[in-house]
C-alpha cells in the first residue's frame, strides 16, 4: 500500500495545506472530528483515502501531514477547528 506525507511550510503553505485537507476530508466523507459515517466504512467502496490518512486507535482518520512555520499562531489558527483543542487531531 502506498502512503504519502504532505509537507506544508510557511504561512501560505500552512493555510493552503489546511484548505486542501478540508477539501480532501469532504471528498472522502471524513467528518471534522475524524470519524467516517458507517455507510463509508472500510470495504464498502473507495479506500483510496488510506494513501493520505492514518487511522488512530480510536478509529479517527488524521492526515499524514507536517505543518511548519516559525510563527506558532499561524499553525494553531489554521489546524484548530471549531470546538477542537489546538490542533489535537494533527
PDB file of N, CA and C in Angstrom:
ATOM      1  N   UNK A   1       0.842  -1.175   0.000  1.00  0.00           N
ATOM      2  CA  UNK A   1       0.000   0.000   0.000  1.00  0.00           C
ATOM      3  C   UNK A   1       0.889   1.241   0.000  1.00  0.00           C
ATOM      4  N   UNK A   2       0.519   2.218  -0.814  1.00  0.00           N
ATOM      5  CA  UNK A   2       1.268   3.476  -0.860  1.00  0.00           C
ATOM      6  C   UNK A   2       0.817   4.395   0.271  1.00  0.00           C
ATOM      7  N   UNK A   3       1.765   5.191   0.754  1.00  0.00           N
ATOM      8  CA  UNK A   3       1.462   6.191   1.768  1.00  0.00           C
ATOM      9  C   UNK A   3       2.178   7.476   1.397  1.00  0.00           C
ATOM     10  N   UNK A   4       1.485   8.599   1.485  1.00  0.00           N
ATOM     11  CA  UNK A   4       2.050   9.911   1.166  1.00  0.00           C
ATOM     12  C   UNK A   4       2.025  10.781   2.407  1.00  0.00           C
ATOM     13  N   UNK A   5       3.069  11.580   2.558  1.00  0.00           N
ATOM     14  CA  UNK A   5       3.126  12.576   3.626  1.00  0.00           C
ATOM     15  C   UNK A   5       3.240  13.936   2.958  1.00  0.00           C
ATOM     16  N   UNK A   6       2.364  14.839   3.326  1.00  0.00           N
ATOM     17  CA  UNK A   6       2.396  16.192   2.778  1.00  0.00           C
ATOM     18  C   UNK A   6       3.147  17.101   3.733  1.00  0.00           C
ATOM     19  N   UNK A   7       3.960  17.981   3.186  1.00  0.00           N
ATOM     20  CA  UNK A   7       4.709  18.942   3.980  1.00  0.00           C
ATOM     21  C   UNK A   7       4.260  20.337   3.576  1.00  0.00           C
ATOM     22  N   UNK A   8       3.815  21.131   4.543  1.00  0.00           N
ATOM     23  CA  UNK A   8       3.326  22.491   4.300  1.00  0.00           C
ATOM     24  C   UNK A   8       4.198  23.450   5.092  1.00  0.00           C
ATOM     25  N   UNK A   9       4.897  24.359   4.382  1.00  0.00           N
ATOM     26  CA  UNK A   9       5.895  25.224   5.010  1.00  0.00           C
ATOM     27  C   UNK A   9       5.508  26.688   4.853  1.00  0.00           C
ATOM     28  N   UNK A  10       5.648  27.440   5.929  1.00  0.00           N
ATOM     29  CA  UNK A  10       5.389  28.875   5.912  1.00  0.00           C
ATOM     30  C   UNK A  10       3.912  29.182   6.077  1.00  0.00           C
ATOM     31  N   UNK A  11       3.613  30.456   6.258  1.00  0.00           N
ATOM     32  CA  UNK A  11       2.230  30.868   6.489  1.00  0.00           C
ATOM     33  C   UNK A  11       1.327  30.473   5.331  1.00  0.00           C
ATOM     34  N   UNK A  12       1.741  30.770   4.119  1.00  0.00           N
ATOM     35  CA  UNK A  12       0.916  30.429   2.955  1.00  0.00           C
ATOM     36  C   UNK A  12       0.789  28.913   2.818  1.00  0.00           C
ATOM     37  N   UNK A  13       1.873  28.186   3.014  1.00  0.00           N
ATOM     38  CA  UNK A  13       1.833  26.737   2.905  1.00  0.00           C
ATOM     39  C   UNK A  13       0.894  26.107   3.917  1.00  0.00           C
ATOM     40  N   UNK A  14       0.918  26.606   5.147  1.00  0.00           N
ATOM     41  CA  UNK A  14       0.051  26.080   6.194  1.00  0.00           C
ATOM     42  C   UNK A  14      -1.408  26.386   5.870  1.00  0.00           C
ATOM     43  N   UNK A  15      -1.686  27.602   5.423  1.00  0.00           N
ATOM     44  CA  UNK A  15      -3.066  27.970   5.128  1.00  0.00           C
ATOM     45  C   UNK A  15      -3.609  27.227   3.903  1.00  0.00           C
ATOM     46  N   UNK A  16      -2.795  27.097   2.863  1.00  0.00           N
ATOM     47  CA  UNK A  16      -3.222  26.350   1.676  1.00  0.00           C
ATOM     48  C   UNK A  16      -3.356  24.864   2.006  1.00  0.00           C
ATOM     49  N   UNK A  17      -2.408  24.344   2.769  1.00  0.00           N
ATOM     50  CA  UNK A  17      -2.483  22.936   3.172  1.00  0.00           C
ATOM     51  C   UNK A  17      -3.736  22.644   3.972  1.00  0.00           C
ATOM     52  N   UNK A  18      -4.106  23.533   4.872  1.00  0.00           N
ATOM     53  CA  UNK A  18      -5.316  23.361   5.666  1.00  0.00           C
ATOM     54  C   UNK A  18      -6.546  23.313   4.763  1.00  0.00           C
ATOM     55  N   UNK A  19      -6.607  24.206   3.772  1.00  0.00           N
ATOM     56  CA  UNK A  19      -7.738  24.219   2.836  1.00  0.00           C
ATOM     57  C   UNK A  19      -7.786  22.918   2.029  1.00  0.00           C
ATOM     58  N   UNK A  20      -6.630  22.435   1.602  1.00  0.00           N
ATOM     59  CA  UNK A  20      -6.572  21.179   0.833  1.00  0.00           C
ATOM     60  C   UNK A  20      -7.036  19.992   1.674  1.00  0.00           C
ATOM     61  N   UNK A  21      -6.633  19.950   2.937  1.00  0.00           N
ATOM     62  CA  UNK A  21      -7.046  18.831   3.792  1.00  0.00           C
ATOM     63  C   UNK A  21      -8.538  18.879   4.090  1.00  0.00           C
ATOM     64  N   UNK A  22      -9.081  20.074   4.246  1.00  0.00           N
ATOM     65  CA  UNK A  22     -10.528  20.185   4.455  1.00  0.00           C
ATOM     66  C   UNK A  22     -11.278  19.641   3.245  1.00  0.00           C
ATOM     67  N   UNK A  23     -10.816  19.992   2.047  1.00  0.00           N
ATOM     68  CA  UNK A  23     -11.432  19.502   0.819  1.00  0.00           C
ATOM     69  C   UNK A  23     -11.294  17.988   0.703  1.00  0.00           C
ATOM     70  N   UNK A  24     -10.130  17.468   1.030  1.00  0.00           N
ATOM     71  CA  UNK A  24      -9.915  16.028   0.969  1.00  0.00           C
ATOM     72  C   UNK A  24     -10.845  15.289   1.931  1.00  0.00           C
ATOM     73  N   UNK A  25     -11.046  15.846   3.100  1.00  0.00           N
ATOM     74  CA  UNK A  25     -11.984  15.241   4.060  1.00  0.00           C
ATOM     75  C   UNK A  25     -13.399  15.223   3.498  1.00  0.00           C
ATOM     76  N   UNK A  26     -13.801  16.321   2.886  1.00  0.00           N
ATOM     77  CA  UNK A  26     -15.135  16.367   2.275  1.00  0.00           C
ATOM     78  C   UNK A  26     -15.273  15.331   1.166  1.00  0.00           C
ATOM     79  N   UNK A  27     -14.261  15.201   0.324  1.00  0.00           N
ATOM     80  CA  UNK A  27     -14.310  14.262  -0.791  1.00  0.00           C
ATOM     81  C   UNK A  27     -14.401  12.814  -0.330  1.00  0.00           C
ATOM     82  N   UNK A  28     -13.772  12.493   0.794  1.00  0.00           N
ATOM     83  CA  UNK A  28     -13.759  11.117   1.275  1.00  0.00           C
ATOM     84  C   UNK A  28     -14.794  10.857   2.365  1.00  0.00           C
ATOM     85  N   UNK A  29     -15.598  11.846   2.706  1.00  0.00           N
ATOM     86  CA  UNK A  29     -16.638  11.656   3.705  1.00  0.00           C
ATOM     87  C   UNK A  29     -16.135  11.589   5.128  1.00  0.00           C
ATOM     88  N   UNK A  30     -14.969  12.161   5.384  1.00  0.00           N
ATOM     89  CA  UNK A  30     -14.417  12.172   6.738  1.00  0.00           C
ATOM     90  C   UNK A  30     -14.926  13.417   7.444  1.00  0.00           C
ATOM     91  N   UNK A  31     -15.552  13.213   8.595  1.00  0.00           N
ATOM     92  CA  UNK A  31     -16.142  14.319   9.346  1.00  0.00           C
ATOM     93  C   UNK A  31     -15.052  15.130  10.045  1.00  0.00           C
ATOM     94  N   UNK A  32     -15.355  16.370  10.460  1.00  0.00           N
ATOM     95  CA  UNK A  32     -14.341  17.207  11.124  1.00  0.00           C
ATOM     96  C   UNK A  32     -13.705  16.574  12.361  1.00  0.00           C
ATOM     97  N   UNK A  33     -14.425  15.674  13.018  1.00  0.00           N
ATOM     98  CA  UNK A  33     -13.862  15.008  14.198  1.00  0.00           C
ATOM     99  C   UNK A  33     -13.029  13.781  13.843  1.00  0.00           C
ATOM    100  N   UNK A  34     -12.856  13.503  12.544  1.00  0.00           N
ATOM    101  CA  UNK A  34     -12.030  12.387  12.101  1.00  0.00           C
ATOM    102  C   UNK A  34     -12.785  11.085  11.909  1.00  0.00           C
ATOM    103  N   UNK A  35     -14.043  11.057  12.249  1.00  0.00           N
ATOM    104  CA  UNK A  35     -14.849   9.846  12.104  1.00  0.00           C
ATOM    105  C   UNK A  35     -15.427   9.748  10.691  1.00  0.00           C
ATOM    106  N   UNK A  36     -15.725   8.524  10.273  1.00  0.00           N
ATOM    107  CA  UNK A  36     -16.392   8.295   8.997  1.00  0.00           C
ATOM    108  C   UNK A  36     -17.774   7.739   9.290  1.00  0.00           C
ATOM    109  N   UNK A  37     -18.779   8.166   8.528  1.00  0.00           N
ATOM    110  CA  UNK A  37     -20.117   7.591   8.719  1.00  0.00           C
ATOM    111  C   UNK A  37     -20.085   6.083   8.477  1.00  0.00           C
ATOM    112  N   UNK A  38     -20.980   5.357   9.087  1.00  0.00           N
ATOM    113  CA  UNK A  38     -20.969   3.896   8.991  1.00  0.00           C
ATOM    114  C   UNK A  38     -21.164   3.403   7.558  1.00  0.00           C
ATOM    115  N   UNK A  39     -21.809   4.182   6.705  1.00  0.00           N
ATOM    116  CA  UNK A  39     -22.005   3.747   5.317  1.00  0.00           C
ATOM    117  C   UNK A  39     -20.746   3.918   4.469  1.00  0.00           C
ATOM    118  N   UNK A  40     -19.699   4.543   5.010  1.00  0.00           N
ATOM    119  CA  UNK A  40     -18.448   4.736   4.284  1.00  0.00           C
ATOM    120  C   UNK A  40     -17.295   3.958   4.914  1.00  0.00           C
ATOM    121  N   UNK A  41     -17.615   2.912   5.639  1.00  0.00           N
ATOM    122  CA  UNK A  41     -16.570   2.157   6.330  1.00  0.00           C
ATOM    123  C   UNK A  41     -15.704   1.371   5.357  1.00  0.00           C
ATOM    124  N   UNK A  42     -14.597   0.873   5.877  1.00  0.00           N
ATOM    125  CA  UNK A  42     -13.623   0.138   5.076  1.00  0.00           C
ATOM    126  C   UNK A  42     -14.288  -1.074   4.424  1.00  0.00           C
ATOM    127  N   UNK A  43     -13.950  -1.299   3.174  1.00  0.00           N
ATOM    128  CA  UNK A  43     -14.504  -2.422   2.434  1.00  0.00           C
ATOM    129  C   UNK A  43     -15.802  -2.077   1.730  1.00  0.00           C
ATOM    130  N   UNK A  44     -16.335  -0.899   2.015  1.00  0.00           N
ATOM    131  CA  UNK A  44     -17.599  -0.503   1.425  1.00  0.00           C
ATOM    132  C   UNK A  44     -17.448   0.297   0.149  1.00  0.00           C
ATOM    133  N   UNK A  45     -16.286   0.314  -0.438  1.00  0.00           N
ATOM    134  CA  UNK A  45     -16.111   1.072  -1.672  1.00  0.00           C
ATOM    135  C   UNK A  45     -14.696   1.586  -1.820  1.00  0.00           C
ATOM    136  N   UNK A  46     -14.575   2.886  -1.999  1.00  0.00           N
ATOM    137  CA  UNK A  46     -13.296   3.528  -2.268  1.00  0.00           C
ATOM    138  C   UNK A  46     -12.469   3.652  -0.989  1.00  0.00           C
ATOM    139  N   UNK A  47     -11.336   2.961  -0.950  1.00  0.00           N
ATOM    140  CA  UNK A  47     -10.435   3.035   0.198  1.00  0.00           C
ATOM    141  C   UNK A  47      -9.189   3.848  -0.117  1.00  0.00           C
ATOM    142  N   UNK A  48      -9.238   4.704  -1.125  1.00  0.00           N
ATOM    143  CA  UNK A  48      -8.059   5.457  -1.548  1.00  0.00           C
ATOM    144  C   UNK A  48      -7.587   6.466  -0.500  1.00  0.00           C
ATOM    145  N   UNK A  49      -8.436   6.792   0.465  1.00  0.00           N
ATOM    146  CA  UNK A  49      -8.044   7.751   1.495  1.00  0.00           C
ATOM    147  C   UNK A  49      -6.911   7.215   2.363  1.00  0.00           C
ATOM    148  N   UNK A  50      -6.672   5.897   2.373  1.00  0.00           N
ATOM    149  CA  UNK A  50      -5.583   5.324   3.170  1.00  0.00           C
ATOM    150  C   UNK A  50      -4.219   5.831   2.726  1.00  0.00           C
ATOM    151  N   UNK A  51      -4.114   6.325   1.488  1.00  0.00           N
ATOM    152  CA  UNK A  51      -2.850   6.855   0.994  1.00  0.00           C
ATOM    153  C   UNK A  51      -2.440   8.097   1.768  1.00  0.00           C
ATOM    154  N   UNK A  52      -3.397   8.931   2.144  1.00  0.00           N
ATOM    155  CA  UNK A  52      -3.103  10.219   2.773  1.00  0.00           C
ATOM    156  C   UNK A  52      -3.539  10.337   4.223  1.00  0.00           C
ATOM    157  N   UNK A  53      -4.325   9.394   4.718  1.00  0.00           N
ATOM    158  CA  UNK A  53      -4.829   9.467   6.084  1.00  0.00           C
ATOM    159  C   UNK A  53      -4.379   8.251   6.888  1.00  0.00           C
ATOM    160  N   UNK A  54      -4.064   8.476   8.155  1.00  0.00           N
ATOM    161  CA  UNK A  54      -3.763   7.395   9.093  1.00  0.00           C
ATOM    162  C   UNK A  54      -4.983   7.204   9.984  1.00  0.00           C
ATOM    163  N   UNK A  55      -5.132   6.003  10.505  1.00  0.00           N
ATOM    164  CA  UNK A  55      -6.234   5.740  11.429  1.00  0.00           C
ATOM    165  C   UNK A  55      -5.661   5.572  12.830  1.00  0.00           C
ATOM    166  N   UNK A  56      -6.214   6.299  13.789  1.00  0.00           N
ATOM    167  CA  UNK A  56      -5.757   6.204  15.174  1.00  0.00           C
ATOM    168  C   UNK A  56      -6.382   4.981  15.834  1.00  0.00           C
ATOM    169  N   UNK A  57      -5.943   4.676  17.034  1.00  0.00           N
ATOM    170  CA  UNK A  57      -6.514   3.570  17.788  1.00  0.00           C
ATOM    171  C   UNK A  57      -7.980   3.774  18.108  1.00  0.00           C
ATOM    172  N   UNK A  58      -8.414   5.037  18.144  1.00  0.00           N
ATOM    173  CA  UNK A  58      -9.812   5.359  18.434  1.00  0.00           C
ATOM    174  C   UNK A  58     -10.676   5.359  17.177  1.00  0.00           C
ATOM    175  N   UNK A  59     -10.076   5.011  16.036  1.00  0.00           N
ATOM    176  CA  UNK A  59     -10.846   4.943  14.796  1.00  0.00           C
ATOM    177  C   UNK A  59     -10.984   6.261  14.060  1.00  0.00           C
ATOM    178  N   UNK A  60     -10.230   7.267  14.475  1.00  0.00           N
ATOM    179  CA  UNK A  60     -10.273   8.556  13.778  1.00  0.00           C
ATOM    180  C   UNK A  60      -9.272   8.569  12.637  1.00  0.00           C
ATOM    181  N   UNK A  61      -9.619   9.281  11.571  1.00  0.00           N
ATOM    182  CA  UNK A  61      -8.697   9.442  10.445  1.00  0.00           C
ATOM    183  C   UNK A  61      -8.028  10.799  10.573  1.00  0.00           C
ATOM    184  N   UNK A  62      -6.704  10.804  10.537  1.00  0.00           N
ATOM    185  CA  UNK A  62      -5.942  12.054  10.620  1.00  0.00           C
ATOM    186  C   UNK A  62      -5.022  12.135   9.400  1.00  0.00           C
ATOM    187  N   UNK A  63      -4.820  13.348   8.886  1.00  0.00           N
ATOM    188  CA  UNK A  63      -3.966  13.489   7.703  1.00  0.00           C
ATOM    189  C   UNK A  63      -2.511  13.155   8.006  1.00  0.00           C
ATOM    190  N   UNK A  64      -1.846  12.567   7.027  1.00  0.00           N
ATOM    191  CA  UNK A  64      -0.398  12.382   7.129  1.00  0.00           C
ATOM    192  C   UNK A  64       0.220  13.665   6.606  1.00  0.00           C
ATOM    193  N   UNK A  65       0.488  14.590   7.501  1.00  0.00           N
ATOM    194  CA  UNK A  65       0.964  15.902   7.084  1.00  0.00           C
ATOM    195  C   UNK A  65       1.876  16.498   8.141  1.00  0.00           C
ATOM    196  N   UNK A  66       2.773  17.354   7.664  1.00  0.00           N
ATOM    197  CA  UNK A  66       3.657  18.125   8.538  1.00  0.00           C
ATOM    198  C   UNK A  66       3.435  19.590   8.204  1.00  0.00           C
ATOM    199  N   UNK A  67       3.087  20.380   9.209  1.00  0.00           N
ATOM    200  CA  UNK A  67       2.899  21.817   9.045  1.00  0.00           C
ATOM    201  C   UNK A  67       4.049  22.515   9.765  1.00  0.00           C
ATOM    202  N   UNK A  68       4.804  23.366   9.046  1.00  0.00           N
ATOM    203  CA  UNK A  68       5.977  24.025   9.620  1.00  0.00           C
ATOM    204  C   UNK A  68       5.873  25.525   9.393  1.00  0.00           C
ATOM    205  N   UNK A  69       6.007  26.287  10.467  1.00  0.00           N
ATOM    206  CA  UNK A  69       6.061  27.742  10.371  1.00  0.00           C
ATOM    207  C   UNK A  69       6.772  28.262  11.605  1.00  0.00           C
ATOM    208  N   UNK A  70       7.552  29.334  11.441  1.00  0.00           N
ATOM    209  CA  UNK A  70       8.268  29.919  12.571  1.00  0.00           C
ATOM    210  C   UNK A  70       7.350  30.721  13.480  1.00  0.00           C
ATOM    211  N   UNK A  71       6.213  31.137  12.969  1.00  0.00           N
ATOM    212  CA  UNK A  71       5.243  31.869  13.786  1.00  0.00           C
ATOM    213  C   UNK A  71       4.216  30.863  14.305  1.00  0.00           C
ATOM    214  N   UNK A  72       4.219  30.570  15.601  1.00  0.00           N
ATOM    215  CA  UNK A  72       3.372  29.493  16.121  1.00  0.00           C
ATOM    216  C   UNK A  72       1.870  29.728  15.978  1.00  0.00           C
ATOM    217  N   UNK A  73       1.416  30.949  15.968  1.00  0.00           N
ATOM    218  CA  UNK A  73      -0.025  31.187  15.911  1.00  0.00           C
ATOM    219  C   UNK A  73      -0.632  30.851  14.564  1.00  0.00           C
ATOM    220  N   UNK A  74       0.142  30.902  13.482  1.00  0.00           N
ATOM    221  CA  UNK A  74      -0.392  30.584  12.160  1.00  0.00           C
ATOM    222  C   UNK A  74      -0.834  29.130  12.110  1.00  0.00           C
ATOM    223  N   UNK A  75       0.004  28.226  12.560  1.00  0.00           N
ATOM    224  CA  UNK A  75      -0.332  26.807  12.541  1.00  0.00           C
ATOM    225  C   UNK A  75      -1.484  26.472  13.452  1.00  0.00           C
ATOM    226  N   UNK A  76      -1.506  27.054  14.638  1.00  0.00           N
ATOM    227  CA  UNK A  76      -2.572  26.787  15.599  1.00  0.00           C
ATOM    228  C   UNK A  76      -3.903  27.289  15.063  1.00  0.00           C
ATOM    229  N   UNK A  77      -3.921  28.496  14.505  1.00  0.00           N
ATOM    230  CA  UNK A  77      -5.160  29.041  13.976  1.00  0.00           C
ATOM    231  C   UNK A  77      -5.671  28.241  12.787  1.00  0.00           C
ATOM    232  N   UNK A  78      -4.768  27.723  11.978  1.00  0.00           N
ATOM    233  CA  UNK A  78      -5.165  27.015  10.768  1.00  0.00           C
ATOM    234  C   UNK A  78      -5.688  25.619  11.042  1.00  0.00           C
ATOM    235  N   UNK A  79      -5.069  24.877  11.954  1.00  0.00           N
ATOM    236  CA  UNK A  79      -5.460  23.490  12.147  1.00  0.00           C
ATOM    237  C   UNK A  79      -6.492  23.287  13.248  1.00  0.00           C
ATOM    238  N   UNK A  80      -6.693  24.253  14.104  1.00  0.00           N
ATOM    239  CA  UNK A  80      -7.691  24.101  15.154  1.00  0.00           C
ATOM    240  C   UNK A  80      -9.061  24.423  14.573  1.00  0.00           C
ATOM    241  N   UNK A  81      -9.923  23.439  14.587  1.00  0.00           N
ATOM    242  CA  UNK A  81     -11.279  23.636  14.065  1.00  0.00           C
ATOM    243  C   UNK A  81     -12.201  24.143  15.149  1.00  0.00           C
ATOM    244  N   UNK A  82     -13.450  24.283  14.778  1.00  0.00           N
ATOM    245  CA  UNK A  82     -14.433  24.761  15.740  1.00  0.00           C
ATOM    246  C   UNK A  82     -14.646  23.715  16.822  1.00  0.00           C
ATOM    247  N   UNK A  83     -14.514  24.130  18.064  1.00  0.00           N
ATOM    248  CA  UNK A  83     -14.759  23.250  19.183  1.00  0.00           C
ATOM    249  C   UNK A  83     -13.647  22.249  19.447  1.00  0.00           C
ATOM    250  N   UNK A  84     -12.514  22.368  18.768  1.00  0.00           N
ATOM    251  CA  UNK A  84     -11.395  21.443  18.983  1.00  0.00           C
ATOM    252  C   UNK A  84     -10.326  22.120  19.815  1.00  0.00           C
ATOM    253  N   UNK A  85      -9.539  21.300  20.476  1.00  0.00           N
ATOM    254  CA  UNK A  85      -8.348  21.830  21.120  1.00  0.00           C
ATOM    255  C   UNK A  85      -7.398  22.263  20.020  1.00  0.00           C
ATOM    256  N   UNK A  86      -6.344  22.935  20.367  1.00  0.00           N
ATOM    257  CA  UNK A  86      -5.437  23.499  19.378  1.00  0.00           C
ATOM    258  C   UNK A  86      -4.755  22.434  18.537  1.00  0.00           C
ATOM    259  N   UNK A  87      -5.405  22.051  17.459  1.00  0.00           N
ATOM    260  CA  UNK A  87      -4.805  21.135  16.503  1.00  0.00           C
ATOM    261  C   UNK A  87      -4.537  19.742  17.032  1.00  0.00           C
ATOM    262  N   UNK A  88      -5.315  19.283  17.993  1.00  0.00           N
ATOM    263  CA  UNK A  88      -5.043  17.984  18.600  1.00  0.00           C
ATOM    264  C   UNK A  88      -5.143  16.828  17.613  1.00  0.00           C
ATOM    265  N   UNK A  89      -5.886  16.998  16.535  1.00  0.00           N
ATOM    266  CA  UNK A  89      -6.042  15.920  15.571  1.00  0.00           C
ATOM    267  C   UNK A  89      -4.903  15.874  14.570  1.00  0.00           C
ATOM    268  N   UNK A  90      -4.042  16.887  14.543  1.00  0.00           N
ATOM    269  CA  UNK A  90      -2.958  16.924  13.569  1.00  0.00           C
ATOM    270  C   UNK A  90      -1.668  16.501  14.198  1.00  0.00           C
TER     271      UNK A  90
END
